[in-house]
Amino acid sequence: MPKFNAEVIIEGKKNARDPEGETIMRDLMMKHGYKMVSSVRSGKILKVIVEARDASEAEAICWKMVNELRIYNPVAHSCSIKIID
């Protein structure tokens, strides 16, 4: 069975506070002079190798995994999945 590379991308929702992103932003602007940067948001990327018949099955397996294992909180985060191959 073929293997597919998938990226599970978890980000804070648009209006949710992002303390990690705020800290990075503050450090960029104040300590290192990157005044041209206007926003930083943090997130997580999980790189997963999935055995499946095709890309759509690989994506479905990833969605099932993130939902069953509660890898993200749908109230506070958004999640997207990209099949790379």
N, C-alpha and C. Protein backbone atom coordinates (compact mmCIF):
# COMPACT_ATOMS: atom_id res chain seq x y z
N MET A 1 0.85 -1.18 0.00
CA MET A 1 0.00 0.00 0.00
C MET A 1 0.90 1.24 0.00
N PRO A 2 0.55 2.26 -0.80
CA PRO A 2 1.38 3.47 -0.87
C PRO A 2 1.38 4.26 0.44
N LYS A 3 2.45 5.01 0.63
CA LYS A 3 2.57 5.89 1.80
C LYS A 3 2.43 7.34 1.34
N PHE A 4 1.74 8.12 2.17
CA PHE A 4 1.52 9.52 1.86
C PHE A 4 2.06 10.37 3.01
N ASN A 5 2.71 11.48 2.64
CA ASN A 5 3.15 12.45 3.64
C ASN A 5 2.04 13.46 3.85
N ALA A 6 1.66 13.63 5.10
CA ALA A 6 0.59 14.57 5.43
C ALA A 6 1.10 15.58 6.44
N GLU A 7 0.61 16.79 6.33
CA GLU A 7 0.87 17.82 7.33
C GLU A 7 -0.44 18.19 7.99
N VAL A 8 -0.50 18.04 9.30
CA VAL A 8 -1.65 18.45 10.10
C VAL A 8 -1.25 19.79 10.71
N ILE A 9 -1.96 20.85 10.31
CA ILE A 9 -1.61 22.20 10.73
C ILE A 9 -2.66 22.69 11.73
N ILE A 10 -2.20 23.01 12.94
CA ILE A 10 -3.09 23.45 14.02
C ILE A 10 -2.71 24.89 14.38
N GLU A 11 -3.69 25.77 14.29
CA GLU A 11 -3.47 27.19 14.57
C GLU A 11 -4.55 27.69 15.51
N GLY A 12 -4.22 28.72 16.27
CA GLY A 12 -5.23 29.37 17.09
C GLY A 12 -6.23 30.08 16.19
N LYS A 13 -7.49 30.11 16.61
CA LYS A 13 -8.50 30.82 15.83
C LYS A 13 -8.15 32.29 15.75
N LYS A 14 -8.65 32.94 14.71
CA LYS A 14 -8.30 34.32 14.39
C LYS A 14 -8.42 35.27 15.57
N ASN A 15 -9.48 35.21 16.32
CA ASN A 15 -9.71 36.15 17.42
C ASN A 15 -9.17 35.68 18.77
N ALA A 16 -8.60 34.48 18.81
CA ALA A 16 -8.06 33.94 20.07
C ALA A 16 -6.70 34.59 20.35
N ARG A 17 -6.42 34.83 21.58
CA ARG A 17 -5.13 35.38 21.99
C ARG A 17 -4.03 34.35 21.74
N ASP A 18 -2.85 34.81 21.37
CA ASP A 18 -1.72 33.93 21.07
C ASP A 18 -0.49 34.42 21.83
N PRO A 19 -0.35 34.04 23.12
CA PRO A 19 0.77 34.54 23.92
C PRO A 19 2.14 34.22 23.33
N GLU A 20 2.30 33.04 22.74
CA GLU A 20 3.59 32.68 22.15
C GLU A 20 3.90 33.59 20.95
N GLY A 21 2.92 33.79 20.10
CA GLY A 21 3.11 34.69 18.96
C GLY A 21 3.38 36.11 19.39
N GLU A 22 2.68 36.55 20.45
CA GLU A 22 2.89 37.91 20.97
C GLU A 22 4.31 38.08 21.50
N THR A 23 4.83 37.07 22.17
CA THR A 23 6.19 37.12 22.71
C THR A 23 7.20 37.18 21.57
N ILE A 24 7.02 36.35 20.56
CA ILE A 24 7.93 36.37 19.41
C ILE A 24 7.88 37.73 18.74
N MET A 25 6.69 38.25 18.57
CA MET A 25 6.51 39.57 17.94
C MET A 25 7.24 40.65 18.73
N ARG A 26 7.04 40.65 20.03
CA ARG A 26 7.68 41.64 20.90
C ARG A 26 9.21 41.54 20.78
N ASP A 27 9.74 40.32 20.80
CA ASP A 27 11.19 40.13 20.69
C ASP A 27 11.71 40.58 19.33
N LEU A 28 10.97 40.29 18.27
CA LEU A 28 11.40 40.72 16.93
C LEU A 28 11.45 42.24 16.84
N MET A 29 10.40 42.87 17.33
CA MET A 29 10.31 44.32 17.19
C MET A 29 11.26 45.05 18.12
N MET A 30 11.27 44.70 19.39
CA MET A 30 12.01 45.48 20.38
C MET A 30 13.49 45.11 20.44
N LYS A 31 13.78 43.83 20.40
CA LYS A 31 15.17 43.41 20.61
C LYS A 31 15.99 43.36 19.33
N HIS A 32 15.34 43.12 18.20
CA HIS A 32 16.12 42.89 16.99
C HIS A 32 15.78 43.84 15.84
N GLY A 33 14.89 44.78 16.08
CA GLY A 33 14.64 45.83 15.11
C GLY A 33 13.85 45.45 13.87
N TYR A 34 13.07 44.39 13.92
CA TYR A 34 12.26 44.00 12.76
C TYR A 34 10.92 44.73 12.79
N LYS A 35 10.98 46.04 12.62
CA LYS A 35 9.77 46.86 12.69
C LYS A 35 8.85 46.64 11.50
N MET A 36 9.37 46.00 10.43
CA MET A 36 8.55 45.74 9.25
C MET A 36 7.61 44.55 9.45
N VAL A 37 7.79 43.78 10.51
CA VAL A 37 6.91 42.65 10.82
C VAL A 37 5.72 43.19 11.62
N SER A 38 4.51 42.96 11.11
CA SER A 38 3.34 43.53 11.77
C SER A 38 2.52 42.52 12.56
N SER A 39 2.78 41.23 12.37
CA SER A 39 2.01 40.23 13.10
C SER A 39 2.73 38.89 13.10
N VAL A 40 2.63 38.17 14.20
CA VAL A 40 3.17 36.81 14.30
C VAL A 40 2.13 35.96 15.00
N ARG A 41 1.79 34.82 14.42
CA ARG A 41 0.89 33.84 15.03
C ARG A 41 1.65 32.53 15.10
N SER A 42 1.53 31.83 16.21
CA SER A 42 2.20 30.55 16.35
C SER A 42 1.21 29.43 16.08
N GLY A 43 1.74 28.25 15.87
CA GLY A 43 0.91 27.08 15.62
C GLY A 43 1.76 25.82 15.71
N LYS A 44 1.17 24.71 15.30
CA LYS A 44 1.88 23.43 15.30
C LYS A 44 1.69 22.76 13.95
N ILE A 45 2.72 22.06 13.51
CA ILE A 45 2.61 21.21 12.33
C ILE A 45 3.02 19.81 12.75
N LEU A 46 2.13 18.86 12.50
CA LEU A 46 2.45 17.46 12.72
C LEU A 46 2.70 16.84 11.36
N LYS A 47 3.85 16.24 11.18
CA LYS A 47 4.16 15.57 9.92
C LYS A 47 3.92 14.08 10.13
N VAL A 48 3.01 13.54 9.32
CA VAL A 48 2.55 12.17 9.51
C VAL A 48 2.74 11.41 8.20
N ILE A 49 3.22 10.19 8.28
CA ILE A 49 3.29 9.30 7.12
C ILE A 49 2.17 8.29 7.27
N VAL A 50 1.30 8.21 6.26
CA VAL A 50 0.09 7.40 6.34
C VAL A 50 0.07 6.41 5.18
N GLU A 51 -0.21 5.16 5.50
CA GLU A 51 -0.43 4.17 4.45
C GLU A 51 -1.91 4.19 4.08
N ALA A 52 -2.19 4.39 2.79
CA ALA A 52 -3.57 4.46 2.32
C ALA A 52 -3.62 4.12 0.83
N ARG A 53 -4.82 3.85 0.34
CA ARG A 53 -4.98 3.53 -1.09
C ARG A 53 -4.74 4.74 -1.98
N ASP A 54 -5.16 5.93 -1.49
CA ASP A 54 -5.00 7.15 -2.28
C ASP A 54 -4.95 8.35 -1.34
N ALA A 55 -4.75 9.53 -1.92
CA ALA A 55 -4.59 10.74 -1.11
C ALA A 55 -5.85 11.08 -0.32
N SER A 56 -7.02 10.86 -0.90
CA SER A 56 -8.24 11.20 -0.16
C SER A 56 -8.45 10.28 1.03
N GLU A 57 -8.07 9.02 0.90
CA GLU A 57 -8.15 8.12 2.05
C GLU A 57 -7.13 8.52 3.12
N ALA A 58 -5.94 8.93 2.70
CA ALA A 58 -4.92 9.38 3.65
C ALA A 58 -5.42 10.59 4.43
N GLU A 59 -6.08 11.53 3.74
CA GLU A 59 -6.62 12.70 4.42
C GLU A 59 -7.73 12.30 5.40
N ALA A 60 -8.59 11.39 4.97
CA ALA A 60 -9.67 10.93 5.85
C ALA A 60 -9.12 10.25 7.10
N ILE A 61 -8.06 9.48 6.96
CA ILE A 61 -7.43 8.82 8.11
C ILE A 61 -6.88 9.88 9.06
N CYS A 62 -6.24 10.92 8.53
CA CYS A 62 -5.70 11.99 9.38
C CYS A 62 -6.81 12.71 10.12
N TRP A 63 -7.92 13.03 9.43
CA TRP A 63 -9.04 13.69 10.11
C TRP A 63 -9.60 12.83 11.22
N LYS A 64 -9.74 11.54 10.95
CA LYS A 64 -10.25 10.62 11.97
C LYS A 64 -9.32 10.61 13.18
N MET A 65 -8.01 10.58 12.91
CA MET A 65 -6.99 10.56 13.97
C MET A 65 -7.07 11.81 14.84
N VAL A 66 -7.09 13.00 14.21
CA VAL A 66 -7.07 14.23 15.01
C VAL A 66 -8.35 14.40 15.81
N ASN A 67 -9.46 13.94 15.27
CA ASN A 67 -10.74 14.06 15.99
C ASN A 67 -10.87 13.03 17.11
N GLU A 68 -10.52 11.78 16.84
CA GLU A 68 -10.64 10.74 17.87
C GLU A 68 -9.65 10.95 19.01
N LEU A 69 -8.44 11.39 18.68
CA LEU A 69 -7.41 11.56 19.71
C LEU A 69 -7.43 12.95 20.33
N ARG A 70 -8.34 13.80 19.86
CA ARG A 70 -8.46 15.17 20.37
C ARG A 70 -7.13 15.91 20.35
N ILE A 71 -6.48 15.86 19.20
CA ILE A 71 -5.18 16.50 19.04
C ILE A 71 -5.30 18.02 19.06
N TYR A 72 -6.47 18.53 18.74
CA TYR A 72 -6.69 19.98 18.81
C TYR A 72 -8.06 20.25 19.43
N ASN A 73 -8.22 21.46 19.93
CA ASN A 73 -9.48 21.89 20.53
C ASN A 73 -10.23 22.73 19.50
N PRO A 74 -11.32 22.20 18.92
CA PRO A 74 -12.02 22.94 17.86
C PRO A 74 -12.63 24.26 18.33
N VAL A 75 -12.78 24.46 19.63
CA VAL A 75 -13.29 25.73 20.13
C VAL A 75 -12.23 26.82 20.01
N ALA A 76 -10.98 26.48 20.28
CA ALA A 76 -9.89 27.46 20.30
C ALA A 76 -8.99 27.42 19.07
N HIS A 77 -9.00 26.30 18.34
CA HIS A 77 -8.06 26.12 17.23
C HIS A 77 -8.76 25.78 15.93
N SER A 78 -8.07 26.06 14.84
CA SER A 78 -8.51 25.56 13.55
C SER A 78 -7.47 24.53 13.10
N CYS A 79 -7.92 23.58 12.32
CA CYS A 79 -7.05 22.50 11.88
C CYS A 79 -7.23 22.32 10.38
N SER A 80 -6.12 22.14 9.67
CA SER A 80 -6.19 21.81 8.25
C SER A 80 -5.20 20.69 7.99
N ILE A 81 -5.46 19.94 6.94
CA ILE A 81 -4.61 18.80 6.60
C ILE A 81 -4.24 18.92 5.13
N LYS A 82 -2.94 18.79 4.86
CA LYS A 82 -2.44 18.81 3.49
C LYS A 82 -1.74 17.49 3.20
N ILE A 83 -2.08 16.87 2.10
CA ILE A 83 -1.35 15.70 1.64
C ILE A 83 -0.27 16.22 0.70
N ILE A 84 0.97 15.94 1.01
CA ILE A 84 2.10 16.53 0.30
C ILE A 84 2.41 15.80 -1.00
N ASP A 85 2.31 14.50 -1.00
CA ASP A 85 2.65 13.73 -2.21
C ASP A 85 1.61 13.87 -3.29
